[in-house]
Amino acid sequence: MTLQLTSWNVGALAPSIKRSKILQALRHHSSSLICLQETKLTVEEHAKLRRSWIGEAFSSPAAGKKGRVAMLLAKSFPGRVTLLQVDTLGCYVFVKVQLYDMTFLLLNIYVPNSYDHAFFSHLVSLCSTHLGTPLILAGDFNLVMDPTLDRSGGSSRPMGGGG
């Protein structure tokens, strides 16, 4: 059994032409699990995404148009979601999946640009309620290992740094 996961910061899916082109590209890709970050979709726009996708689609709604994440499962995905949790800030979608005789967790996150210790503490708490269950973590962490090499003229905030 082979599953392919795609994680993609799409930088806004609200324009219907862009959403259509990205969904078309994903349909031709062989991924079973797709994690999208920065979709910036409203609840209504996510409903359009769900109608356009063949398979299951989950998202984390939030006020405004910042962040937002979505998770798409291909129609051919052989597993089933047994638990779904999303936050109210549009920063994560967390699912527990039963696949044949195996259970695993999939967490798709979009970390806000400003470091927030409480956000990471909440994620650790969320995952710790499922100790012993394998976790696949995907997303956009908005952090860099070396600010000098990885940021162009921006913040000097290193990985895990406050700010």
Protein backbone atom coordinates (compact mmCIF):
# COMPACT_ATOMS: atom_id res chain seq x y z
CA MET A 1 0.00 0.00 0.00
CA THR A 2 1.35 3.40 -1.01
CA LEU A 3 -0.25 6.71 -0.15
CA GLN A 4 0.96 9.97 -1.56
CA LEU A 5 0.56 13.20 0.39
CA THR A 6 0.76 16.66 -1.17
CA SER A 7 1.14 19.79 0.94
CA TRP A 8 0.75 23.09 -0.92
CA ASN A 9 0.60 26.71 0.17
CA VAL A 10 -1.73 27.92 -2.56
CA GLY A 11 -1.71 31.60 -1.60
CA ALA A 12 -5.49 32.11 -2.02
CA LEU A 13 -8.07 29.97 -3.77
CA ALA A 14 -10.84 32.56 -3.81
CA PRO A 15 -10.53 33.53 -7.49
CA SER A 16 -12.63 30.84 -9.18
CA ILE A 17 -10.25 30.58 -12.17
CA LYS A 18 -7.27 29.90 -9.87
CA ARG A 19 -9.29 27.43 -7.78
CA SER A 20 -10.36 25.62 -10.94
CA LYS A 21 -6.78 25.38 -12.27
CA ILE A 22 -5.41 24.14 -8.95
CA LEU A 23 -8.15 21.52 -8.59
CA GLN A 24 -7.51 20.39 -12.17
CA ALA A 25 -3.80 20.02 -11.43
CA LEU A 26 -4.55 18.08 -8.23
CA ARG A 27 -6.90 15.71 -10.06
CA HIS A 28 -4.07 14.76 -12.42
CA HIS A 29 -1.71 14.27 -9.50
CA SER A 30 -1.67 10.88 -7.82
CA SER A 31 -2.07 12.14 -4.25
CA SER A 32 -4.57 10.48 -1.96
CA LEU A 33 -4.26 13.14 0.74
CA ILE A 34 -3.89 16.84 -0.05
CA CYS A 35 -3.17 19.53 2.52
CA LEU A 36 -3.67 23.12 1.39
CA GLN A 37 -2.56 26.21 3.30
CA GLU A 38 -3.49 29.88 2.91
CA THR A 39 -6.65 29.07 0.99
CA LYS A 40 -8.22 32.30 2.31
CA LEU A 41 -11.63 30.84 1.52
CA THR A 42 -14.78 32.00 3.25
CA VAL A 43 -17.25 29.37 4.45
CA GLU A 44 -19.28 29.94 1.26
CA GLU A 45 -16.20 29.63 -0.97
CA HIS A 46 -15.19 26.42 0.78
CA ALA A 47 -18.63 25.02 -0.06
CA LYS A 48 -17.80 25.70 -3.72
CA LEU A 49 -14.46 23.91 -3.28
CA ARG A 50 -16.23 20.93 -1.71
CA ARG A 51 -18.72 20.75 -4.61
CA SER A 52 -15.90 20.93 -7.16
CA TRP A 53 -13.78 18.21 -5.54
CA ILE A 54 -14.46 14.53 -6.12
CA GLY A 55 -13.85 13.08 -2.68
CA GLU A 56 -13.99 14.54 0.82
CA ALA A 57 -13.01 18.12 1.66
CA PHE A 58 -12.52 19.64 5.12
CA SER A 59 -11.54 23.17 6.07
CA SER A 60 -10.94 25.37 9.05
CA PRO A 61 -13.13 28.47 8.77
CA ALA A 62 -12.18 31.82 10.28
CA ALA A 63 -13.24 35.43 10.23
CA GLY A 64 -11.50 37.59 7.65
CA LYS A 65 -9.36 36.24 4.85
CA LYS A 66 -6.15 35.29 6.62
CA GLY A 67 -4.66 31.84 6.54
CA ARG A 68 -7.18 29.05 6.40
CA VAL A 69 -6.35 25.48 5.65
CA ALA A 70 -8.14 22.72 3.80
CA MET A 71 -7.68 18.99 3.49
CA LEU A 72 -8.81 17.04 0.45
CA LEU A 73 -9.12 13.27 0.28
CA ALA A 74 -9.22 11.73 -3.17
CA LYS A 75 -12.26 9.66 -4.05
CA SER A 76 -9.89 6.70 -4.34
CA PHE A 77 -8.61 7.18 -0.77
CA PRO A 78 -9.21 3.80 0.87
CA GLY A 79 -9.49 5.06 4.44
CA ARG A 80 -12.20 6.77 6.42
CA VAL A 81 -12.05 9.75 8.75
CA THR A 82 -13.14 8.81 12.28
CA LEU A 83 -12.41 12.17 13.96
CA LEU A 84 -12.35 15.73 12.62
CA GLN A 85 -11.23 18.77 14.60
CA VAL A 86 -10.71 22.31 13.28
CA ASP A 87 -9.87 25.54 15.04
CA THR A 88 -11.78 28.81 14.84
CA LEU A 89 -8.78 30.78 13.57
CA GLY A 90 -8.38 28.86 10.33
CA CYS A 91 -4.99 27.47 11.33
CA TYR A 92 -5.48 23.71 11.38
CA VAL A 93 -7.46 20.69 10.29
CA PHE A 94 -6.84 17.58 12.38
CA VAL A 95 -8.18 14.17 11.38
CA LYS A 96 -7.92 10.65 12.67
CA VAL A 97 -7.97 8.13 9.86
CA GLN A 98 -8.73 4.42 9.83
CA LEU A 99 -6.94 2.79 6.92
CA TYR A 100 -7.31 -0.97 6.69
CA ASP A 101 -5.99 -2.22 10.05
CA MET A 102 -4.01 0.96 10.79
CA THR A 103 -5.00 4.21 12.47
CA PHE A 104 -3.06 7.46 12.04
CA LEU A 105 -3.46 11.18 12.62
CA LEU A 106 -3.03 13.87 9.98
CA LEU A 107 -2.55 17.48 11.05
CA ASN A 108 -2.49 20.21 8.41
CA ILE A 109 -1.43 23.56 9.84
CA TYR A 110 -0.83 27.13 8.85
CA VAL A 111 1.21 28.88 11.54
CA PRO A 112 0.52 32.61 11.81
CA ASN A 113 3.40 34.92 10.83
CA SER A 114 3.81 36.15 14.39
CA TYR A 115 5.17 33.50 16.74
CA ASP A 116 2.56 32.45 19.29
CA HIS A 117 3.68 30.08 22.03
CA ALA A 118 0.03 29.39 22.98
CA PHE A 119 -0.69 28.16 19.44
CA PHE A 120 2.10 25.56 19.60
CA SER A 121 1.12 24.57 23.13
CA HIS A 122 -2.42 23.97 21.91
CA LEU A 123 -1.15 21.75 19.06
CA VAL A 124 0.96 19.71 21.49
CA SER A 125 -2.06 19.33 23.76
CA LEU A 126 -4.26 18.30 20.83
CA CYS A 127 -1.81 15.62 19.70
CA SER A 128 -1.06 14.38 23.21
CA THR A 129 -4.63 13.13 23.55
CA HIS A 130 -3.70 10.51 20.94
CA LEU A 131 -0.36 9.27 22.26
CA GLY A 132 0.81 6.12 20.53
CA THR A 133 -1.01 6.94 17.28
CA PRO A 134 1.31 7.79 14.37
CA LEU A 135 1.12 11.45 13.34
CA ILE A 136 1.68 12.95 9.90
CA LEU A 137 2.28 16.69 10.16
CA ALA A 138 1.99 18.87 7.06
CA GLY A 139 1.71 22.57 6.50
CA ASP A 140 3.31 25.98 6.44
CA PHE A 141 5.21 26.81 9.62
CA ASN A 142 6.25 30.35 8.61
CA LEU A 143 9.60 29.71 10.29
CA VAL A 144 13.10 29.45 8.89
CA MET A 145 16.29 27.71 9.99
CA ASP A 146 18.63 30.56 9.00
CA PRO A 147 17.09 34.03 8.58
CA THR A 148 20.10 35.28 6.62
CA LEU A 149 19.77 32.54 4.02
CA ASP A 150 16.03 31.97 4.09
CA ARG A 151 14.52 35.46 4.27
CA SER A 152 15.02 38.26 1.80
CA GLY A 153 15.07 41.64 3.48
CA GLY A 154 12.52 40.55 6.03
CA SER A 155 12.39 39.62 9.63
CA SER A 156 15.39 38.17 11.39
CA ARG A 157 13.13 35.89 13.42
CA PRO A 158 14.79 32.43 13.48
CA MET A 159 13.04 29.09 13.82
CA GLY A 160 11.23 28.92 17.13
CA GLY A 161 12.13 32.50 17.99
CA GLY A 162 9.75 34.84 19.69
CA GLY A 163 8.47 37.90 18.11
